[in-house]
Amino acid sequence: MILGIANFIRFMNGNIFLNALLIAVVLPFVIIAVGYAIHMLGVGLAVLLSLFVDPWWVNVIINYIMFPGVMLHELSHALFAVITGAKVTEMKLFKKEGDSLGHVNFRHRGSTILIAIQKIFISAAPMFCGFFIVTGCWHVVAHTGVNIELKILLGYIGFSMFFHMTMSPQDIKVYWKGIPVFMGILFLEGIILRLFHVI
């Protein structure tokens, strides 16, 4: 078994096209899997908190008291829309409408490839931005000598973002539409990076 795995890894390392194909097929789904894992961790923490606090209050805490996370979630969509060339047409940083606590509407612009890139990166933006915000806040709180008030503020922002850094069902729906072109880009990029021995 171990020998078979070792042979497969050796075969994959020697085959540029298969290696690039593996990256192209796996990476888009890894992004969704990581987002789902973070979502489930958040759900687990909410369930744990529900053992000590009424579930109604848990909902209020996550969705209203931690409103900075909602705002940062929506701002990350807007930021990546601007970066990738889409046009932001409407932005509500915090407004309860049905199941939604906020939204960013945007219009795609550019070629088919650019539009696919916009769909992928705008949809997954809360995960990318959330990672930097949560780890940045954690680093400052845990490893610097800033005053206690700033530590509390950054801890609150980081914790708020943690609960709101995953993709919503609407985000995932848009993300799926960009996957085919994204896989093609990753495949070509994987071949180029392997040819130049970057990966």
N, C-alpha and C. Protein backbone atom coordinates (compact mmCIF):
# COMPACT_ATOMS: atom_id res chain seq x y z
N MET A 1 0.83 -1.20 0.00
CA MET A 1 0.00 0.00 0.00
C MET A 1 0.87 1.26 0.00
N ILE A 2 1.81 1.33 0.96
CA ILE A 2 2.69 2.50 1.06
C ILE A 2 3.54 2.62 -0.20
N LEU A 3 4.02 1.46 -0.71
CA LEU A 3 4.82 1.47 -1.94
C LEU A 3 3.99 1.98 -3.11
N GLY A 4 2.71 1.58 -3.17
CA GLY A 4 1.82 2.04 -4.23
C GLY A 4 1.62 3.55 -4.18
N ILE A 5 1.45 4.09 -2.97
CA ILE A 5 1.30 5.54 -2.80
C ILE A 5 2.58 6.25 -3.22
N ALA A 6 3.72 5.72 -2.80
CA ALA A 6 5.01 6.32 -3.16
C ALA A 6 5.21 6.32 -4.67
N ASN A 7 4.85 5.21 -5.32
CA ASN A 7 4.96 5.14 -6.79
C ASN A 7 4.03 6.15 -7.47
N PHE A 8 2.82 6.30 -6.92
CA PHE A 8 1.87 7.27 -7.49
C PHE A 8 2.42 8.69 -7.37
N ILE A 9 2.97 9.03 -6.19
CA ILE A 9 3.55 10.37 -5.98
C ILE A 9 4.72 10.60 -6.92
N ARG A 10 5.57 9.58 -7.09
CA ARG A 10 6.71 9.70 -7.99
C ARG A 10 6.23 9.90 -9.44
N PHE A 11 5.17 9.13 -9.82
CA PHE A 11 4.60 9.27 -11.16
C PHE A 11 4.02 10.67 -11.37
N MET A 12 3.31 11.18 -10.35
CA MET A 12 2.70 12.51 -10.46
C MET A 12 3.78 13.59 -10.56
N ASN A 13 4.85 13.45 -9.79
CA ASN A 13 5.93 14.44 -9.83
C ASN A 13 6.63 14.44 -11.18
N GLY A 14 6.64 13.32 -11.85
CA GLY A 14 7.31 13.25 -13.14
C GLY A 14 6.42 13.65 -14.30
N ASN A 15 5.12 13.75 -14.08
CA ASN A 15 4.19 14.07 -15.16
C ASN A 15 3.62 15.47 -14.96
N ILE A 16 4.14 16.42 -15.73
CA ILE A 16 3.76 17.82 -15.59
C ILE A 16 2.26 18.02 -15.81
N PHE A 17 1.71 17.38 -16.84
CA PHE A 17 0.30 17.58 -17.19
C PHE A 17 -0.63 17.02 -16.13
N LEU A 18 -0.33 15.82 -15.63
CA LEU A 18 -1.18 15.23 -14.58
C LEU A 18 -1.10 16.05 -13.29
N ASN A 19 0.09 16.53 -12.98
CA ASN A 19 0.27 17.35 -11.78
C ASN A 19 -0.54 18.63 -11.89
N ALA A 20 -0.48 19.28 -13.04
CA ALA A 20 -1.24 20.52 -13.26
C ALA A 20 -2.75 20.24 -13.23
N LEU A 21 -3.15 19.10 -13.79
CA LEU A 21 -4.56 18.72 -13.80
C LEU A 21 -5.07 18.49 -12.38
N LEU A 22 -4.26 17.83 -11.57
CA LEU A 22 -4.63 17.57 -10.17
C LEU A 22 -4.83 18.88 -9.41
N ILE A 23 -3.92 19.82 -9.59
CA ILE A 23 -4.05 21.13 -8.95
C ILE A 23 -5.32 21.83 -9.42
N ALA A 24 -5.55 21.80 -10.73
CA ALA A 24 -6.71 22.49 -11.31
C ALA A 24 -8.03 21.91 -10.82
N VAL A 25 -8.08 20.61 -10.62
CA VAL A 25 -9.33 19.97 -10.21
C VAL A 25 -9.53 20.09 -8.70
N VAL A 26 -8.48 19.97 -7.92
CA VAL A 26 -8.60 19.91 -6.47
C VAL A 26 -8.74 21.30 -5.82
N LEU A 27 -7.94 22.27 -6.24
CA LEU A 27 -7.89 23.56 -5.54
C LEU A 27 -9.24 24.27 -5.43
N PRO A 28 -10.06 24.36 -6.48
CA PRO A 28 -11.35 25.04 -6.33
C PRO A 28 -12.24 24.40 -5.27
N PHE A 29 -12.15 23.07 -5.14
CA PHE A 29 -12.97 22.37 -4.14
C PHE A 29 -12.37 22.47 -2.75
N VAL A 30 -11.05 22.63 -2.66
CA VAL A 30 -10.40 22.83 -1.36
C VAL A 30 -10.90 24.14 -0.75
N ILE A 31 -11.05 25.18 -1.58
CA ILE A 31 -11.54 26.46 -1.09
C ILE A 31 -12.93 26.30 -0.47
N ILE A 32 -13.81 25.57 -1.16
CA ILE A 32 -15.15 25.33 -0.61
C ILE A 32 -15.07 24.47 0.65
N ALA A 33 -14.23 23.45 0.64
CA ALA A 33 -14.10 22.56 1.80
C ALA A 33 -13.60 23.30 3.03
N VAL A 34 -12.62 24.18 2.85
CA VAL A 34 -12.10 24.96 3.96
C VAL A 34 -13.20 25.89 4.50
N GLY A 35 -13.93 26.53 3.58
CA GLY A 35 -15.04 27.39 4.00
C GLY A 35 -16.09 26.61 4.78
N TYR A 36 -16.39 25.40 4.31
CA TYR A 36 -17.38 24.56 5.00
C TYR A 36 -16.87 24.16 6.38
N ALA A 37 -15.58 23.82 6.48
CA ALA A 37 -15.00 23.44 7.77
C ALA A 37 -15.07 24.61 8.76
N ILE A 38 -14.78 25.82 8.28
CA ILE A 38 -14.87 27.00 9.15
C ILE A 38 -16.32 27.23 9.57
N HIS A 39 -17.25 27.06 8.62
CA HIS A 39 -18.67 27.21 8.93
C HIS A 39 -19.09 26.21 10.01
N MET A 40 -18.68 24.95 9.87
CA MET A 40 -19.05 23.93 10.84
C MET A 40 -18.42 24.20 12.21
N LEU A 41 -17.21 24.73 12.22
CA LEU A 41 -16.58 25.10 13.49
C LEU A 41 -17.38 26.21 14.16
N GLY A 42 -17.82 27.19 13.36
CA GLY A 42 -18.67 28.26 13.89
C GLY A 42 -19.98 27.72 14.43
N VAL A 43 -20.60 26.78 13.69
CA VAL A 43 -21.84 26.15 14.16
C VAL A 43 -21.60 25.40 15.46
N GLY A 44 -20.47 24.70 15.54
CA GLY A 44 -20.11 23.97 16.76
C GLY A 44 -19.96 24.90 17.95
N LEU A 45 -19.30 26.03 17.73
CA LEU A 45 -19.15 27.02 18.81
C LEU A 45 -20.51 27.59 19.23
N ALA A 46 -21.38 27.82 18.24
CA ALA A 46 -22.72 28.34 18.55
C ALA A 46 -23.52 27.32 19.36
N VAL A 47 -23.43 26.05 18.98
CA VAL A 47 -24.12 24.99 19.73
C VAL A 47 -23.58 24.91 21.15
N LEU A 48 -22.26 24.98 21.29
CA LEU A 48 -21.63 24.96 22.62
C LEU A 48 -22.11 26.13 23.46
N LEU A 49 -22.17 27.31 22.85
CA LEU A 49 -22.63 28.51 23.56
C LEU A 49 -24.10 28.35 23.96
N SER A 50 -24.88 27.63 23.12
CA SER A 50 -26.31 27.41 23.41
C SER A 50 -26.53 26.56 24.65
N LEU A 51 -25.50 25.84 25.08
CA LEU A 51 -25.62 25.06 26.31
C LEU A 51 -25.67 25.96 27.54
N PHE A 52 -25.13 27.16 27.40
CA PHE A 52 -25.05 28.08 28.54
C PHE A 52 -25.96 29.30 28.39
N VAL A 53 -26.35 29.61 27.15
CA VAL A 53 -27.15 30.79 26.87
C VAL A 53 -28.33 30.37 26.00
N ASP A 54 -29.47 31.00 26.17
CA ASP A 54 -30.64 30.71 25.34
C ASP A 54 -30.27 30.83 23.86
N PRO A 55 -30.68 29.85 23.01
CA PRO A 55 -30.35 29.90 21.58
C PRO A 55 -30.75 31.20 20.89
N TRP A 56 -31.83 31.82 21.34
CA TRP A 56 -32.24 33.11 20.77
C TRP A 56 -31.14 34.14 20.96
N TRP A 57 -30.53 34.13 22.16
CA TRP A 57 -29.44 35.08 22.44
C TRP A 57 -28.19 34.74 21.63
N VAL A 58 -27.95 33.45 21.42
CA VAL A 58 -26.81 33.05 20.58
C VAL A 58 -26.96 33.63 19.19
N ASN A 59 -28.16 33.54 18.62
CA ASN A 59 -28.45 34.12 17.30
C ASN A 59 -28.24 35.63 17.30
N VAL A 60 -28.70 36.29 18.35
CA VAL A 60 -28.51 37.74 18.48
C VAL A 60 -27.02 38.08 18.56
N ILE A 61 -26.28 37.31 19.33
CA ILE A 61 -24.83 37.56 19.50
C ILE A 61 -24.11 37.43 18.16
N ILE A 62 -24.35 36.30 17.46
CA ILE A 62 -23.63 36.04 16.22
C ILE A 62 -24.03 37.01 15.11
N ASN A 63 -25.32 37.29 14.99
CA ASN A 63 -25.79 38.08 13.86
C ASN A 63 -25.87 39.58 14.11
N TYR A 64 -26.01 39.99 15.37
CA TYR A 64 -26.19 41.42 15.62
C TYR A 64 -25.07 42.02 16.45
N ILE A 65 -24.72 41.37 17.55
CA ILE A 65 -23.63 41.91 18.37
C ILE A 65 -22.30 41.82 17.62
N MET A 66 -22.16 40.81 16.78
CA MET A 66 -20.94 40.66 15.98
C MET A 66 -21.12 41.24 14.58
N PHE A 67 -21.84 42.36 14.50
CA PHE A 67 -22.10 43.01 13.21
C PHE A 67 -20.83 43.44 12.47
N PRO A 68 -19.69 43.73 13.15
CA PRO A 68 -18.50 44.08 12.36
C PRO A 68 -18.10 42.97 11.38
N GLY A 69 -18.34 41.71 11.76
CA GLY A 69 -18.03 40.60 10.86
C GLY A 69 -18.88 40.63 9.60
N VAL A 70 -20.16 41.00 9.77
CA VAL A 70 -21.05 41.12 8.60
C VAL A 70 -20.55 42.23 7.69
N MET A 71 -20.20 43.36 8.29
CA MET A 71 -19.73 44.51 7.50
C MET A 71 -18.43 44.18 6.78
N LEU A 72 -17.51 43.52 7.47
CA LEU A 72 -16.24 43.15 6.84
C LEU A 72 -16.46 42.11 5.73
N HIS A 73 -17.41 41.22 5.94
CA HIS A 73 -17.78 40.23 4.91
C HIS A 73 -18.20 40.96 3.63
N GLU A 74 -19.11 41.92 3.78
CA GLU A 74 -19.61 42.65 2.60
C GLU A 74 -18.52 43.55 1.99
N LEU A 75 -17.72 44.19 2.83
CA LEU A 75 -16.63 45.03 2.32
C LEU A 75 -15.61 44.20 1.53
N SER A 76 -15.39 42.95 1.95
CA SER A 76 -14.43 42.10 1.21
C SER A 76 -14.97 41.77 -0.17
N HIS A 77 -16.28 41.53 -0.29
CA HIS A 77 -16.88 41.34 -1.62
C HIS A 77 -16.63 42.58 -2.48
N ALA A 78 -16.91 43.75 -1.90
CA ALA A 78 -16.75 45.00 -2.66
C ALA A 78 -15.30 45.22 -3.06
N LEU A 79 -14.36 44.96 -2.15
CA LEU A 79 -12.94 45.14 -2.43
C LEU A 79 -12.50 44.28 -3.60
N PHE A 80 -12.87 42.99 -3.59
CA PHE A 80 -12.47 42.10 -4.67
C PHE A 80 -13.20 42.40 -5.97
N ALA A 81 -14.41 42.96 -5.87
CA ALA A 81 -15.10 43.39 -7.08
C ALA A 81 -14.30 44.50 -7.76
N VAL A 82 -13.85 45.47 -6.97
CA VAL A 82 -13.05 46.58 -7.51
C VAL A 82 -11.72 46.07 -8.05
N ILE A 83 -11.04 45.21 -7.29
CA ILE A 83 -9.74 44.69 -7.70
C ILE A 83 -9.83 43.92 -9.02
N THR A 84 -10.90 43.14 -9.21
CA THR A 84 -11.01 42.31 -10.41
C THR A 84 -11.70 43.01 -11.58
N GLY A 85 -12.13 44.25 -11.38
CA GLY A 85 -12.70 45.02 -12.49
C GLY A 85 -14.20 44.99 -12.63
N ALA A 86 -14.90 44.38 -11.67
CA ALA A 86 -16.37 44.41 -11.70
C ALA A 86 -16.85 45.77 -11.18
N LYS A 87 -18.09 46.10 -11.46
CA LYS A 87 -18.65 47.38 -11.01
C LYS A 87 -19.63 47.13 -9.86
N VAL A 88 -19.36 47.73 -8.71
CA VAL A 88 -20.27 47.62 -7.57
C VAL A 88 -21.46 48.52 -7.83
N THR A 89 -22.66 47.95 -7.81
CA THR A 89 -23.87 48.72 -8.11
C THR A 89 -24.67 49.05 -6.85
N GLU A 90 -24.52 48.25 -5.81
CA GLU A 90 -25.22 48.51 -4.54
C GLU A 90 -24.48 47.81 -3.42
N MET A 91 -24.45 48.45 -2.25
CA MET A 91 -23.77 47.85 -1.11
C MET A 91 -24.54 48.18 0.16
N LYS A 92 -24.97 47.15 0.87
CA LYS A 92 -25.62 47.29 2.17
C LYS A 92 -24.74 46.54 3.17
N LEU A 93 -24.03 47.27 4.00
CA LEU A 93 -23.08 46.64 4.91
C LEU A 93 -23.78 45.91 6.05
N PHE A 94 -24.94 46.41 6.46
CA PHE A 94 -25.67 45.72 7.52
C PHE A 94 -27.13 46.09 7.42
N LYS A 95 -27.91 45.20 6.82
CA LYS A 95 -29.34 45.42 6.67
C LYS A 95 -30.04 44.08 6.61
N LYS A 96 -30.87 43.79 7.61
CA LYS A 96 -31.58 42.52 7.69
C LYS A 96 -32.67 42.46 6.64
N GLU A 97 -32.56 41.49 5.73
CA GLU A 97 -33.57 41.25 4.70
C GLU A 97 -33.70 39.75 4.53
N GLY A 98 -34.73 39.16 5.11
CA GLY A 98 -34.89 37.71 5.06
C GLY A 98 -33.77 37.03 5.82
N ASP A 99 -33.06 36.13 5.13
CA ASP A 99 -31.92 35.43 5.76
C ASP A 99 -30.63 36.24 5.64
N SER A 100 -30.66 37.31 4.88
CA SER A 100 -29.45 38.09 4.61
C SER A 100 -29.29 39.22 5.64
N LEU A 101 -28.05 39.46 6.03
CA LEU A 101 -27.74 40.56 6.94
C LEU A 101 -27.09 41.72 6.21
N GLY A 102 -26.82 41.57 4.95
CA GLY A 102 -26.19 42.60 4.13
C GLY A 102 -25.93 42.03 2.76
N HIS A 103 -25.59 42.88 1.82
CA HIS A 103 -25.27 42.36 0.49
C HIS A 103 -24.49 43.38 -0.33
N VAL A 104 -23.82 42.85 -1.34
CA VAL A 104 -23.14 43.69 -2.33
C VAL A 104 -23.60 43.19 -3.69
N ASN A 105 -24.16 44.09 -4.48
CA ASN A 105 -24.52 43.76 -5.85
C ASN A 105 -23.46 44.34 -6.77
N PHE A 106 -23.11 43.60 -7.79
CA PHE A 106 -22.09 44.08 -8.72
C PHE A 106 -22.42 43.59 -10.11
N ARG A 107 -21.83 44.25 -11.08
CA ARG A 107 -22.01 43.86 -12.48
C ARG A 107 -20.66 43.42 -13.02
N HIS A 108 -20.65 42.23 -13.64
CA HIS A 108 -19.41 41.72 -14.24
C HIS A 108 -19.05 42.58 -15.44
N ARG A 109 -17.75 42.74 -15.65
CA ARG A 109 -17.25 43.45 -16.83
C ARG A 109 -16.03 42.73 -17.35
N GLY A 110 -15.87 42.76 -18.68
CA GLY A 110 -14.67 42.20 -19.28
C GLY A 110 -14.94 40.92 -20.06
N SER A 111 -13.84 40.23 -20.36
CA SER A 111 -13.89 39.00 -21.16
C SER A 111 -14.47 37.85 -20.35
N THR A 112 -14.71 36.74 -21.02
CA THR A 112 -15.24 35.54 -20.35
C THR A 112 -14.30 35.09 -19.24
N ILE A 113 -13.00 35.15 -19.52
CA ILE A 113 -12.01 34.73 -18.52
C ILE A 113 -12.04 35.67 -17.32
N LEU A 114 -12.09 36.97 -17.56
CA LEU A 114 -12.11 37.94 -16.47
C LEU A 114 -13.39 37.79 -15.64
N ILE A 115 -14.51 37.56 -16.30
CA ILE A 115 -15.77 37.37 -15.58
C ILE A 115 -15.71 36.13 -14.70
N ALA A 116 -15.10 35.05 -15.19
CA ALA A 116 -14.94 33.83 -14.37
C ALA A 116 -14.07 34.12 -13.16
N ILE A 117 -13.00 34.88 -13.36
CA ILE A 117 -12.12 35.25 -12.24
C ILE A 117 -12.90 36.09 -11.23
N GLN A 118 -13.72 37.02 -11.73
CA GLN A 118 -14.54 37.84 -10.83
C GLN A 118 -15.48 36.96 -10.02
N LYS A 119 -16.13 36.00 -10.67
CA LYS A 119 -17.07 35.12 -9.96
C LYS A 119 -16.37 34.34 -8.85
N ILE A 120 -15.19 33.83 -9.14
CA ILE A 120 -14.45 33.05 -8.15
C ILE A 120 -13.99 33.92 -6.99
N PHE A 121 -13.27 35.00 -7.29
CA PHE A 121 -12.63 35.78 -6.24
C PHE A 121 -13.59 36.67 -5.47
N ILE A 122 -14.60 37.22 -6.12
CA ILE A 122 -15.57 38.02 -5.38
C ILE A 122 -16.38 37.14 -4.44
N SER A 123 -16.75 35.95 -4.90
CA SER A 123 -17.53 35.03 -4.07
C SER A 123 -16.74 34.54 -2.86
N ALA A 124 -15.47 34.23 -3.07
CA ALA A 124 -14.63 33.69 -1.99
C ALA A 124 -13.92 34.78 -1.18
N ALA A 125 -14.14 36.05 -1.52
CA ALA A 125 -13.44 37.16 -0.87
C ALA A 125 -13.54 37.15 0.66
N PRO A 126 -14.71 36.86 1.26
CA PRO A 126 -14.75 36.86 2.73
C PRO A 126 -13.81 35.85 3.36
N MET A 127 -13.55 34.73 2.66
CA MET A 127 -12.61 33.76 3.20
C MET A 127 -11.19 34.29 3.15
N PHE A 128 -10.80 34.90 2.01
CA PHE A 128 -9.44 35.43 1.88
C PHE A 128 -9.22 36.58 2.86
N CYS A 129 -10.11 37.55 2.85
CA CYS A 129 -9.98 38.70 3.75
C CYS A 129 -10.12 38.26 5.21
N GLY A 130 -11.08 37.35 5.44
CA GLY A 130 -11.29 36.86 6.80
C GLY A 130 -10.05 36.20 7.37
N PHE A 131 -9.36 35.42 6.55
CA PHE A 131 -8.13 34.77 7.01
C PHE A 131 -7.12 35.82 7.51
N PHE A 132 -6.92 36.88 6.72
CA PHE A 132 -5.94 37.90 7.12
C PHE A 132 -6.42 38.72 8.32
N ILE A 133 -7.70 39.00 8.38
CA ILE A 133 -8.22 39.78 9.51
C ILE A 133 -8.15 38.97 10.80
N VAL A 134 -8.62 37.72 10.75
CA VAL A 134 -8.64 36.89 11.96
C VAL A 134 -7.22 36.60 12.45
N THR A 135 -6.33 36.19 11.53
CA THR A 135 -4.95 35.89 11.96
C THR A 135 -4.22 37.16 12.39
N GLY A 136 -4.50 38.29 11.71
CA GLY A 136 -3.87 39.55 12.10
C GLY A 136 -4.30 39.98 13.49
N CYS A 137 -5.60 39.91 13.76
CA CYS A 137 -6.10 40.26 15.09
C CYS A 137 -5.53 39.33 16.15
N TRP A 138 -5.51 38.03 15.84
CA TRP A 138 -4.97 37.06 16.79
C TRP A 138 -3.49 37.35 17.09
N HIS A 139 -2.72 37.65 16.05
CA HIS A 139 -1.29 37.93 16.25
C HIS A 139 -1.09 39.13 17.17
N VAL A 140 -1.83 40.20 16.92
CA VAL A 140 -1.67 41.42 17.74
C VAL A 140 -2.09 41.13 19.19
N VAL A 141 -3.22 40.45 19.36
CA VAL A 141 -3.72 40.16 20.71
C VAL A 141 -2.77 39.24 21.47
N ALA A 142 -2.27 38.20 20.81
CA ALA A 142 -1.47 37.17 21.49
C ALA A 142 0.02 37.48 21.58
N HIS A 143 0.53 38.28 20.64
CA HIS A 143 1.99 38.39 20.56
C HIS A 143 2.55 39.80 20.62
N THR A 144 1.73 40.77 20.97
CA THR A 144 2.27 42.13 21.07
C THR A 144 1.91 42.73 22.42
N GLY A 145 2.55 43.83 22.73
CA GLY A 145 2.32 44.47 24.03
C GLY A 145 1.38 45.66 23.96
N VAL A 146 0.43 45.65 23.02
CA VAL A 146 -0.51 46.77 22.94
C VAL A 146 -1.40 46.79 24.17
N ASN A 147 -2.02 47.96 24.42
CA ASN A 147 -2.83 48.08 25.63
C ASN A 147 -4.06 47.18 25.59
N ILE A 148 -4.63 46.94 26.76
CA ILE A 148 -5.71 45.97 26.90
C ILE A 148 -6.96 46.38 26.13
N GLU A 149 -7.23 47.69 26.04
CA GLU A 149 -8.41 48.16 25.31
C GLU A 149 -8.31 47.78 23.83
N LEU A 150 -7.12 47.97 23.24
CA LEU A 150 -6.93 47.63 21.84
C LEU A 150 -7.01 46.11 21.64
N LYS A 151 -6.48 45.36 22.59
CA LYS A 151 -6.57 43.90 22.50
C LYS A 151 -8.03 43.44 22.51
N ILE A 152 -8.83 44.05 23.39
CA ILE A 152 -10.26 43.69 23.46
C ILE A 152 -10.95 44.04 22.15
N LEU A 153 -10.67 45.23 21.61
CA LEU A 153 -11.28 45.66 20.35
C LEU A 153 -10.90 44.71 19.21
N LEU A 154 -9.61 44.40 19.09
CA LEU A 154 -9.16 43.52 18.01
C LEU A 154 -9.66 42.09 18.19
N GLY A 155 -9.75 41.63 19.44
CA GLY A 155 -10.32 40.32 19.71
C GLY A 155 -11.77 40.26 19.28
N TYR A 156 -12.50 41.32 19.57
CA TYR A 156 -13.91 41.42 19.17
C TYR A 156 -14.05 41.42 17.65
N ILE A 157 -13.22 42.20 16.97
CA ILE A 157 -13.27 42.25 15.49
C ILE A 157 -12.91 40.90 14.89
N GLY A 158 -11.83 40.29 15.39
CA GLY A 158 -11.40 38.98 14.88
C GLY A 158 -12.45 37.90 15.10
N PHE A 159 -13.04 37.88 16.30
CA PHE A 159 -14.07 36.89 16.60
C PHE A 159 -15.31 37.12 15.75
N SER A 160 -15.67 38.40 15.56
CA SER A 160 -16.82 38.73 14.71
C SER A 160 -16.60 38.26 13.28
N MET A 161 -15.39 38.50 12.77
CA MET A 161 -15.09 38.12 11.39
C MET A 161 -15.08 36.61 11.24
N PHE A 162 -14.62 35.91 12.26
CA PHE A 162 -14.55 34.45 12.18
C PHE A 162 -15.93 33.86 11.86
N PHE A 163 -16.98 34.38 12.51
CA PHE A 163 -18.32 33.84 12.31
C PHE A 163 -18.95 34.25 10.98
N HIS A 164 -18.31 35.19 10.28
CA HIS A 164 -18.91 35.69 9.03
C HIS A 164 -17.95 35.62 7.84
N MET A 165 -16.92 34.79 7.92
CA MET A 165 -15.92 34.77 6.85
C MET A 165 -16.16 33.69 5.81
N THR A 166 -17.22 32.91 5.96
CA THR A 166 -17.47 31.86 4.98
C THR A 166 -18.39 32.37 3.86
N MET A 167 -18.48 31.59 2.81
CA MET A 167 -19.33 31.97 1.68
C MET A 167 -20.78 31.62 1.98
N SER A 168 -21.67 32.54 1.65
CA SER A 168 -23.11 32.30 1.80
C SER A 168 -23.55 31.35 0.68
N PRO A 169 -24.77 30.78 0.78
CA PRO A 169 -25.27 29.94 -0.33
C PRO A 169 -25.27 30.68 -1.67
N GLN A 170 -25.59 31.98 -1.65
CA GLN A 170 -25.57 32.77 -2.89
C GLN A 170 -24.14 32.90 -3.42
N ASP A 171 -23.18 33.11 -2.51
CA ASP A 171 -21.77 33.19 -2.91
C ASP A 171 -21.32 31.90 -3.59
N ILE A 172 -21.71 30.77 -3.01
CA ILE A 172 -21.30 29.47 -3.55
C ILE A 172 -21.92 29.26 -4.93
N LYS A 173 -23.17 29.69 -5.11
CA LYS A 173 -23.84 29.55 -6.40
C LYS A 173 -23.08 30.33 -7.49
N VAL A 174 -22.64 31.54 -7.17
CA VAL A 174 -21.88 32.35 -8.14
C VAL A 174 -20.49 31.73 -8.36
N TYR A 175 -19.88 31.26 -7.28
CA TYR A 175 -18.55 30.62 -7.34
C TYR A 175 -18.56 29.45 -8.32
N TRP A 176 -19.60 28.59 -8.26
CA TRP A 176 -19.68 27.42 -9.13
C TRP A 176 -19.63 27.80 -10.60
N LYS A 177 -20.26 28.94 -10.93
CA LYS A 177 -20.32 29.35 -12.33
C LYS A 177 -18.95 29.70 -12.88
N GLY A 178 -18.02 30.09 -12.01
CA GLY A 178 -16.68 30.44 -12.47
C GLY A 178 -15.69 29.29 -12.47
N ILE A 179 -16.07 28.16 -11.88
CA ILE A 179 -15.13 27.04 -11.71
C ILE A 179 -14.57 26.50 -13.03
N PRO A 180 -15.36 26.25 -14.08
CA PRO A 180 -14.77 25.65 -15.29
C PRO A 180 -13.61 26.47 -15.87
N VAL A 181 -13.82 27.78 -16.01
CA VAL A 181 -12.73 28.62 -16.55
C VAL A 181 -11.58 28.69 -15.55
N PHE A 182 -11.90 28.78 -14.26
CA PHE A 182 -10.87 28.83 -13.21
C PHE A 182 -9.99 27.59 -13.26
N MET A 183 -10.60 26.42 -13.49
CA MET A 183 -9.83 25.18 -13.60
C MET A 183 -8.88 25.24 -14.80
N GLY A 184 -9.35 25.78 -15.91
CA GLY A 184 -8.49 25.93 -17.09
C GLY A 184 -7.31 26.83 -16.80
N ILE A 185 -7.56 27.94 -16.11
CA ILE A 185 -6.47 28.88 -15.75
C ILE A 185 -5.48 28.20 -14.83
N LEU A 186 -5.99 27.49 -13.82
CA LEU A 186 -5.11 26.78 -12.88
C LEU A 186 -4.28 25.72 -13.59
N PHE A 187 -4.88 25.03 -14.55
CA PHE A 187 -4.16 23.99 -15.30
C PHE A 187 -2.99 24.61 -16.05
N LEU A 188 -3.24 25.68 -16.81
CA LEU A 188 -2.17 26.35 -17.55
C LEU A 188 -1.11 26.91 -16.62
N GLU A 189 -1.57 27.50 -15.53
CA GLU A 189 -0.63 28.07 -14.55
C GLU A 189 0.22 26.97 -13.93
N GLY A 190 -0.41 25.82 -13.63
CA GLY A 190 0.33 24.70 -13.05
C GLY A 190 1.41 24.19 -13.99
N ILE A 191 1.10 24.10 -15.28
CA ILE A 191 2.10 23.66 -16.27
C ILE A 191 3.26 24.65 -16.31
N ILE A 192 2.95 25.94 -16.38
CA ILE A 192 4.01 26.97 -16.45
C ILE A 192 4.89 26.94 -15.21
N LEU A 193 4.25 26.85 -14.02
CA LEU A 193 5.03 26.85 -12.77
C LEU A 193 5.89 25.60 -12.65
N ARG A 194 5.38 24.46 -13.16
CA ARG A 194 6.18 23.23 -13.13
C ARG A 194 7.34 23.31 -14.12
N LEU A 195 7.10 23.88 -15.30
CA LEU A 195 8.16 24.01 -16.30
C LEU A 195 9.31 24.88 -15.78
N PHE A 196 8.97 25.90 -14.97
CA PHE A 196 10.00 26.80 -14.43
C PHE A 196 10.42 26.36 -13.03
N HIS A 197 10.01 25.16 -12.62
CA HIS A 197 10.41 24.55 -11.34
C HIS A 197 10.06 25.41 -10.12
N VAL A 198 8.92 26.13 -10.23
CA VAL A 198 8.45 26.93 -9.08
C VAL A 198 7.72 26.02 -8.11
N ILE A 199 6.98 25.03 -8.66
CA ILE A 199 6.30 24.06 -7.78
C ILE A 199 6.75 22.64 -8.15
